[in-house]
Amino acid sequence: MKYLIILFFSINSMYAQDLWFCGNTKLEVKKALTENKKEITEGSVTDSTTRISWEIMGDFQMIWVFDSKNSLIFQTLYTLKENGNNEIVKFFNQKFVIISATKWRNYNSGIIYEIELQELVGNFIFSIKPVIL
C-alpha cells in the first residue's frame, strides 16, 4: 500500500506539471524534470534513439524515448518491485476510464492519453501515448 501511495503522489505531481510529455522534445522533457529536481539518467537505446529515465523512490521508473530529431516517440511506466503491476492496475482502474482489462484513458490538459499494459521481452510495461482523433 505504501508503494501505491508513492505512485499516486508521483503521478499526481506529473499531471500537475504535465509530465506525460506527449508531443515534447528531449530538451523540454529534460528541462521540466531538472527544474523540478528530478534525478534523471540519460543514455542510448539504439544508434538513432536516446532515452531519459526517472526512478520514483526505487519502486517505479518512467522512461521517455526520443528519435534522432530528439522528438518523443515512446514513454512508459515500469515497476521495479514484485507485485507492482497489480498496484498500478488497481490505481488506474480507480482513477482513469477503463477501456479494457489492459487499457485506460485519461483526459488531461486538453489531451486524451491512452495507457496500455504491454508485455515487452518478458516484462510488463505501461505505455503512455496521446490518442489521435
N, C-alpha and C. Protein backbone atom coordinates (compact mmCIF):
# COMPACT_ATOMS: atom_id res chain seq x y z
N MET A 1 0.82 -1.19 0.00
CA MET A 1 0.00 0.00 0.00
C MET A 1 0.88 1.27 0.00
N LYS A 2 1.98 1.22 0.72
CA LYS A 2 2.90 2.36 0.77
C LYS A 2 3.36 2.73 -0.63
N TYR A 3 3.63 1.73 -1.45
CA TYR A 3 4.12 1.98 -2.79
C TYR A 3 3.04 2.59 -3.68
N LEU A 4 1.81 2.17 -3.48
CA LEU A 4 0.71 2.73 -4.24
C LEU A 4 0.52 4.20 -3.91
N ILE A 5 0.70 4.56 -2.64
CA ILE A 5 0.60 5.96 -2.22
C ILE A 5 1.71 6.77 -2.87
N ILE A 6 2.93 6.22 -2.89
CA ILE A 6 4.06 6.91 -3.55
C ILE A 6 3.74 7.12 -5.03
N LEU A 7 3.24 6.07 -5.69
CA LEU A 7 2.91 6.18 -7.10
C LEU A 7 1.82 7.22 -7.30
N PHE A 8 0.80 7.21 -6.44
CA PHE A 8 -0.30 8.16 -6.55
C PHE A 8 0.21 9.60 -6.50
N PHE A 9 1.03 9.91 -5.52
CA PHE A 9 1.55 11.27 -5.41
C PHE A 9 2.49 11.61 -6.55
N SER A 10 3.27 10.64 -7.01
CA SER A 10 4.18 10.89 -8.13
C SER A 10 3.40 11.16 -9.41
N ILE A 11 2.37 10.35 -9.66
CA ILE A 11 1.56 10.55 -10.86
C ILE A 11 0.77 11.84 -10.76
N ASN A 12 0.23 12.15 -9.59
CA ASN A 12 -0.47 13.42 -9.43
C ASN A 12 0.45 14.60 -9.70
N SER A 13 1.69 14.51 -9.22
CA SER A 13 2.63 15.61 -9.49
C SER A 13 2.95 15.66 -10.98
N MET A 14 2.95 14.52 -11.66
CA MET A 14 3.19 14.52 -13.10
C MET A 14 2.09 15.28 -13.80
N TYR A 15 0.84 15.04 -13.40
CA TYR A 15 -0.27 15.74 -14.04
C TYR A 15 -0.21 17.22 -13.74
N ALA A 16 0.10 17.57 -12.50
CA ALA A 16 0.17 18.97 -12.13
C ALA A 16 1.24 19.68 -12.96
N GLN A 17 2.30 18.98 -13.27
CA GLN A 17 3.39 19.57 -14.04
C GLN A 17 3.34 19.16 -15.51
N ASP A 18 2.30 18.41 -15.89
CA ASP A 18 2.13 17.93 -17.26
C ASP A 18 3.34 17.11 -17.70
N LEU A 19 3.75 16.15 -16.90
CA LEU A 19 4.94 15.36 -17.21
C LEU A 19 4.68 14.11 -18.04
N TRP A 20 3.50 13.99 -18.62
CA TRP A 20 3.33 12.87 -19.55
C TRP A 20 4.04 13.20 -20.85
N PHE A 21 4.25 14.45 -21.15
CA PHE A 21 5.14 14.94 -22.21
C PHE A 21 4.78 14.55 -23.63
N CYS A 22 3.57 14.21 -23.94
CA CYS A 22 3.23 13.89 -25.32
C CYS A 22 3.47 15.11 -26.20
N GLY A 23 4.22 14.91 -27.28
CA GLY A 23 4.50 15.98 -28.21
C GLY A 23 5.68 16.87 -27.86
N ASN A 24 6.40 16.55 -26.81
CA ASN A 24 7.53 17.39 -26.39
C ASN A 24 8.85 16.88 -26.98
N THR A 25 9.85 17.75 -26.90
CA THR A 25 11.20 17.38 -27.35
C THR A 25 12.02 16.92 -26.15
N LYS A 26 13.17 16.35 -26.44
CA LYS A 26 14.06 15.89 -25.38
C LYS A 26 14.49 17.06 -24.48
N LEU A 27 14.78 18.18 -25.08
CA LEU A 27 15.20 19.35 -24.31
C LEU A 27 14.09 19.81 -23.35
N GLU A 28 12.84 19.81 -23.83
CA GLU A 28 11.71 20.23 -22.98
C GLU A 28 11.50 19.26 -21.83
N VAL A 29 11.58 17.97 -22.11
CA VAL A 29 11.41 16.96 -21.05
C VAL A 29 12.52 17.10 -20.01
N LYS A 30 13.74 17.17 -20.48
CA LYS A 30 14.89 17.29 -19.57
C LYS A 30 14.79 18.55 -18.72
N LYS A 31 14.43 19.66 -19.34
CA LYS A 31 14.30 20.92 -18.61
C LYS A 31 13.23 20.83 -17.53
N ALA A 32 12.06 20.28 -17.85
CA ALA A 32 10.98 20.17 -16.87
C ALA A 32 11.38 19.27 -15.70
N LEU A 33 12.04 18.16 -16.01
CA LEU A 33 12.44 17.24 -14.94
C LEU A 33 13.50 17.85 -14.04
N THR A 34 14.51 18.47 -14.63
CA THR A 34 15.58 19.03 -13.82
C THR A 34 15.12 20.27 -13.05
N GLU A 35 14.21 21.06 -13.62
CA GLU A 35 13.65 22.21 -12.90
C GLU A 35 12.89 21.76 -11.65
N ASN A 36 12.28 20.59 -11.73
CA ASN A 36 11.52 20.04 -10.60
C ASN A 36 12.37 19.10 -9.76
N LYS A 37 13.69 19.22 -9.91
CA LYS A 37 14.67 18.49 -9.09
C LYS A 37 14.51 16.97 -9.14
N LYS A 38 14.15 16.45 -10.30
CA LYS A 38 14.08 15.00 -10.50
C LYS A 38 15.47 14.52 -10.91
N GLU A 39 15.93 13.45 -10.28
CA GLU A 39 17.21 12.87 -10.69
C GLU A 39 16.96 11.97 -11.88
N ILE A 40 17.60 12.29 -12.99
CA ILE A 40 17.37 11.54 -14.22
C ILE A 40 18.66 10.89 -14.69
N THR A 41 18.50 9.88 -15.54
CA THR A 41 19.63 9.29 -16.23
C THR A 41 19.34 9.39 -17.73
N GLU A 42 20.40 9.44 -18.51
CA GLU A 42 20.26 9.51 -19.95
C GLU A 42 21.12 8.44 -20.59
N GLY A 43 20.73 8.02 -21.78
CA GLY A 43 21.53 7.03 -22.48
C GLY A 43 20.98 6.78 -23.87
N SER A 44 21.62 5.87 -24.57
CA SER A 44 21.19 5.47 -25.91
C SER A 44 20.34 4.21 -25.82
N VAL A 45 19.38 4.12 -26.70
CA VAL A 45 18.58 2.89 -26.82
C VAL A 45 19.08 2.13 -28.04
N THR A 46 19.20 2.83 -29.16
CA THR A 46 19.77 2.27 -30.39
C THR A 46 20.71 3.33 -30.96
N ASP A 47 21.22 3.09 -32.17
CA ASP A 47 22.09 4.07 -32.81
C ASP A 47 21.37 5.39 -33.08
N SER A 48 20.04 5.33 -33.24
CA SER A 48 19.31 6.55 -33.61
C SER A 48 18.31 7.00 -32.56
N THR A 49 18.24 6.33 -31.41
CA THR A 49 17.30 6.73 -30.37
C THR A 49 18.01 6.87 -29.02
N THR A 50 17.50 7.81 -28.22
CA THR A 50 18.04 8.04 -26.88
C THR A 50 16.90 7.97 -25.87
N ARG A 51 17.26 7.97 -24.59
CA ARG A 51 16.24 7.90 -23.56
C ARG A 51 16.62 8.75 -22.36
N ILE A 52 15.59 9.17 -21.64
CA ILE A 52 15.73 9.79 -20.32
C ILE A 52 14.90 8.93 -19.38
N SER A 53 15.45 8.62 -18.21
CA SER A 53 14.74 7.81 -17.22
C SER A 53 14.66 8.56 -15.90
N TRP A 54 13.57 8.34 -15.19
CA TRP A 54 13.38 8.91 -13.87
C TRP A 54 12.88 7.80 -12.96
N GLU A 55 13.65 7.50 -11.93
CA GLU A 55 13.26 6.45 -10.98
C GLU A 55 12.52 7.09 -9.81
N ILE A 56 11.36 6.55 -9.50
CA ILE A 56 10.50 7.07 -8.45
C ILE A 56 10.65 6.21 -7.21
N MET A 57 11.39 6.72 -6.22
CA MET A 57 11.56 6.07 -4.93
C MET A 57 12.10 4.64 -5.04
N GLY A 58 12.78 4.29 -6.11
CA GLY A 58 13.34 2.96 -6.27
C GLY A 58 12.30 1.89 -6.55
N ASP A 59 11.05 2.29 -6.78
CA ASP A 59 9.97 1.33 -7.00
C ASP A 59 9.39 1.36 -8.41
N PHE A 60 9.42 2.52 -9.04
CA PHE A 60 8.85 2.69 -10.37
C PHE A 60 9.83 3.49 -11.21
N GLN A 61 9.71 3.35 -12.53
CA GLN A 61 10.59 4.10 -13.42
C GLN A 61 9.78 4.61 -14.61
N MET A 62 9.93 5.90 -14.91
CA MET A 62 9.37 6.48 -16.12
C MET A 62 10.51 6.54 -17.13
N ILE A 63 10.22 6.16 -18.37
CA ILE A 63 11.23 6.18 -19.42
C ILE A 63 10.63 6.89 -20.64
N TRP A 64 11.38 7.87 -21.16
CA TRP A 64 10.99 8.58 -22.36
C TRP A 64 12.02 8.28 -23.44
N VAL A 65 11.56 7.87 -24.64
CA VAL A 65 12.46 7.52 -25.74
C VAL A 65 12.28 8.55 -26.86
N PHE A 66 13.41 9.00 -27.42
CA PHE A 66 13.41 10.05 -28.44
C PHE A 66 14.07 9.55 -29.71
N ASP A 67 13.59 10.06 -30.85
CA ASP A 67 14.18 9.68 -32.14
C ASP A 67 15.42 10.53 -32.41
N SER A 68 15.97 10.38 -33.61
CA SER A 68 17.22 11.09 -33.96
C SER A 68 17.02 12.61 -34.04
N LYS A 69 15.77 13.07 -34.13
CA LYS A 69 15.48 14.51 -34.15
C LYS A 69 15.10 15.02 -32.76
N ASN A 70 15.31 14.16 -31.73
CA ASN A 70 15.00 14.48 -30.34
C ASN A 70 13.52 14.72 -30.07
N SER A 71 12.66 14.10 -30.88
CA SER A 71 11.22 14.13 -30.65
C SER A 71 10.81 12.91 -29.86
N LEU A 72 9.92 13.09 -28.91
CA LEU A 72 9.44 11.99 -28.08
C LEU A 72 8.65 11.00 -28.94
N ILE A 73 9.05 9.73 -28.91
CA ILE A 73 8.34 8.71 -29.69
C ILE A 73 7.71 7.63 -28.82
N PHE A 74 8.13 7.54 -27.55
CA PHE A 74 7.61 6.48 -26.70
C PHE A 74 7.84 6.87 -25.24
N GLN A 75 6.84 6.64 -24.40
CA GLN A 75 7.02 6.84 -22.96
C GLN A 75 6.35 5.71 -22.23
N THR A 76 6.95 5.34 -21.12
CA THR A 76 6.47 4.16 -20.42
C THR A 76 6.66 4.29 -18.92
N LEU A 77 5.81 3.60 -18.19
CA LEU A 77 5.92 3.45 -16.74
C LEU A 77 6.23 1.99 -16.48
N TYR A 78 7.22 1.73 -15.65
CA TYR A 78 7.72 0.38 -15.40
C TYR A 78 7.87 0.20 -13.90
N THR A 79 7.40 -0.92 -13.37
CA THR A 79 7.55 -1.17 -11.95
C THR A 79 8.83 -1.96 -11.69
N LEU A 80 9.52 -1.60 -10.64
CA LEU A 80 10.76 -2.27 -10.27
C LEU A 80 10.54 -3.24 -9.11
N LYS A 81 9.30 -3.38 -8.66
CA LYS A 81 9.04 -4.22 -7.49
C LYS A 81 8.06 -5.33 -7.81
N GLU A 82 8.18 -6.39 -7.07
CA GLU A 82 7.28 -7.52 -7.23
C GLU A 82 5.86 -7.09 -6.89
N ASN A 83 4.92 -7.52 -7.68
CA ASN A 83 3.50 -7.22 -7.49
C ASN A 83 3.16 -5.75 -7.79
N GLY A 84 4.12 -4.99 -8.28
CA GLY A 84 3.88 -3.58 -8.57
C GLY A 84 2.86 -3.36 -9.68
N ASN A 85 2.83 -4.25 -10.67
CA ASN A 85 1.86 -4.10 -11.76
C ASN A 85 0.43 -4.17 -11.24
N ASN A 86 0.19 -5.06 -10.28
CA ASN A 86 -1.15 -5.17 -9.71
C ASN A 86 -1.56 -3.87 -9.03
N GLU A 87 -0.63 -3.25 -8.30
CA GLU A 87 -0.92 -1.98 -7.64
C GLU A 87 -1.22 -0.88 -8.66
N ILE A 88 -0.45 -0.85 -9.73
CA ILE A 88 -0.67 0.17 -10.77
C ILE A 88 -2.02 -0.05 -11.44
N VAL A 89 -2.36 -1.30 -11.77
CA VAL A 89 -3.65 -1.60 -12.40
C VAL A 89 -4.80 -1.16 -11.49
N LYS A 90 -4.71 -1.47 -10.21
CA LYS A 90 -5.76 -1.03 -9.26
C LYS A 90 -5.89 0.48 -9.26
N PHE A 91 -4.76 1.19 -9.24
CA PHE A 91 -4.76 2.64 -9.25
C PHE A 91 -5.42 3.17 -10.53
N PHE A 92 -5.00 2.65 -11.69
CA PHE A 92 -5.57 3.10 -12.96
C PHE A 92 -7.07 2.80 -13.03
N ASN A 93 -7.49 1.65 -12.51
CA ASN A 93 -8.91 1.30 -12.51
C ASN A 93 -9.73 2.30 -11.69
N GLN A 94 -9.15 2.84 -10.63
CA GLN A 94 -9.85 3.81 -9.79
C GLN A 94 -9.83 5.22 -10.36
N LYS A 95 -8.75 5.60 -11.03
CA LYS A 95 -8.56 6.99 -11.42
C LYS A 95 -8.86 7.31 -12.88
N PHE A 96 -8.80 6.31 -13.77
CA PHE A 96 -8.94 6.57 -15.19
C PHE A 96 -10.15 5.83 -15.76
N VAL A 97 -10.50 6.14 -17.00
CA VAL A 97 -11.58 5.46 -17.70
C VAL A 97 -11.05 4.12 -18.17
N ILE A 98 -11.72 3.03 -17.79
CA ILE A 98 -11.29 1.68 -18.18
C ILE A 98 -11.79 1.40 -19.60
N ILE A 99 -10.87 1.09 -20.50
CA ILE A 99 -11.21 0.73 -21.88
C ILE A 99 -11.28 -0.79 -22.02
N SER A 100 -10.33 -1.48 -21.39
CA SER A 100 -10.31 -2.95 -21.36
C SER A 100 -9.51 -3.37 -20.13
N ALA A 101 -9.27 -4.66 -20.00
CA ALA A 101 -8.50 -5.15 -18.84
C ALA A 101 -7.06 -4.65 -18.86
N THR A 102 -6.59 -4.19 -20.02
CA THR A 102 -5.20 -3.73 -20.13
C THR A 102 -5.07 -2.32 -20.71
N LYS A 103 -6.19 -1.57 -20.79
CA LYS A 103 -6.14 -0.22 -21.37
C LYS A 103 -6.98 0.75 -20.55
N TRP A 104 -6.46 1.98 -20.43
CA TRP A 104 -7.15 3.05 -19.71
C TRP A 104 -7.00 4.33 -20.51
N ARG A 105 -7.92 5.28 -20.27
CA ARG A 105 -7.81 6.61 -20.87
C ARG A 105 -7.90 7.65 -19.79
N ASN A 106 -7.19 8.73 -20.01
CA ASN A 106 -7.24 9.87 -19.12
C ASN A 106 -7.38 11.13 -19.96
N TYR A 107 -8.22 12.03 -19.50
CA TYR A 107 -8.45 13.29 -20.19
C TYR A 107 -7.82 14.38 -19.34
N ASN A 108 -6.73 15.00 -19.83
CA ASN A 108 -5.97 15.94 -19.02
C ASN A 108 -5.40 17.04 -19.89
N SER A 109 -5.57 18.28 -19.48
CA SER A 109 -4.98 19.44 -20.15
C SER A 109 -5.27 19.46 -21.65
N GLY A 110 -6.49 19.09 -22.04
CA GLY A 110 -6.86 19.13 -23.44
C GLY A 110 -6.30 18.00 -24.29
N ILE A 111 -5.67 17.01 -23.66
CA ILE A 111 -5.10 15.86 -24.39
C ILE A 111 -5.72 14.59 -23.82
N ILE A 112 -6.04 13.66 -24.70
CA ILE A 112 -6.51 12.35 -24.28
C ILE A 112 -5.31 11.41 -24.30
N TYR A 113 -5.02 10.80 -23.16
CA TYR A 113 -3.91 9.86 -23.06
C TYR A 113 -4.46 8.45 -22.98
N GLU A 114 -3.82 7.54 -23.68
CA GLU A 114 -4.15 6.13 -23.55
C GLU A 114 -2.98 5.43 -22.88
N ILE A 115 -3.28 4.65 -21.88
CA ILE A 115 -2.28 3.89 -21.15
C ILE A 115 -2.59 2.42 -21.39
N GLU A 116 -1.58 1.66 -21.77
CA GLU A 116 -1.78 0.25 -22.09
C GLU A 116 -0.72 -0.61 -21.42
N LEU A 117 -1.17 -1.68 -20.77
CA LEU A 117 -0.27 -2.66 -20.19
C LEU A 117 0.16 -3.60 -21.31
N GLN A 118 1.48 -3.68 -21.53
CA GLN A 118 2.01 -4.49 -22.62
C GLN A 118 3.15 -5.36 -22.11
N GLU A 119 3.34 -6.49 -22.79
CA GLU A 119 4.48 -7.36 -22.49
C GLU A 119 5.62 -6.96 -23.41
N LEU A 120 6.80 -6.79 -22.82
CA LEU A 120 7.98 -6.41 -23.61
C LEU A 120 9.16 -7.22 -23.10
N VAL A 121 9.61 -8.16 -23.91
CA VAL A 121 10.76 -9.00 -23.61
C VAL A 121 10.63 -9.63 -22.21
N GLY A 122 9.50 -10.24 -21.95
CA GLY A 122 9.31 -10.95 -20.67
C GLY A 122 8.95 -10.08 -19.49
N ASN A 123 8.83 -8.77 -19.69
CA ASN A 123 8.43 -7.85 -18.62
C ASN A 123 7.16 -7.11 -19.05
N PHE A 124 6.43 -6.63 -18.07
CA PHE A 124 5.24 -5.84 -18.37
C PHE A 124 5.54 -4.37 -18.16
N ILE A 125 5.08 -3.55 -19.09
CA ILE A 125 5.25 -2.10 -19.03
C ILE A 125 3.89 -1.43 -19.29
N PHE A 126 3.78 -0.20 -18.87
CA PHE A 126 2.61 0.61 -19.18
C PHE A 126 3.05 1.68 -20.18
N SER A 127 2.61 1.56 -21.43
CA SER A 127 2.95 2.57 -22.42
C SER A 127 1.92 3.69 -22.36
N ILE A 128 2.37 4.91 -22.57
CA ILE A 128 1.53 6.10 -22.46
C ILE A 128 1.66 6.87 -23.76
N LYS A 129 0.52 7.14 -24.41
CA LYS A 129 0.58 7.87 -25.68
C LYS A 129 -0.69 8.69 -25.83
N PRO A 130 -0.61 9.77 -26.63
CA PRO A 130 -1.82 10.56 -26.87
C PRO A 130 -2.72 9.83 -27.84
N VAL A 131 -4.03 10.06 -27.70
CA VAL A 131 -4.99 9.50 -28.64
C VAL A 131 -5.19 10.53 -29.74
N ILE A 132 -4.99 10.11 -30.96
CA ILE A 132 -5.18 10.99 -32.11
C ILE A 132 -6.60 10.76 -32.62
N LEU A 133 -7.41 11.80 -32.56
CA LEU A 133 -8.81 11.67 -33.02
C LEU A 133 -8.95 12.03 -34.48
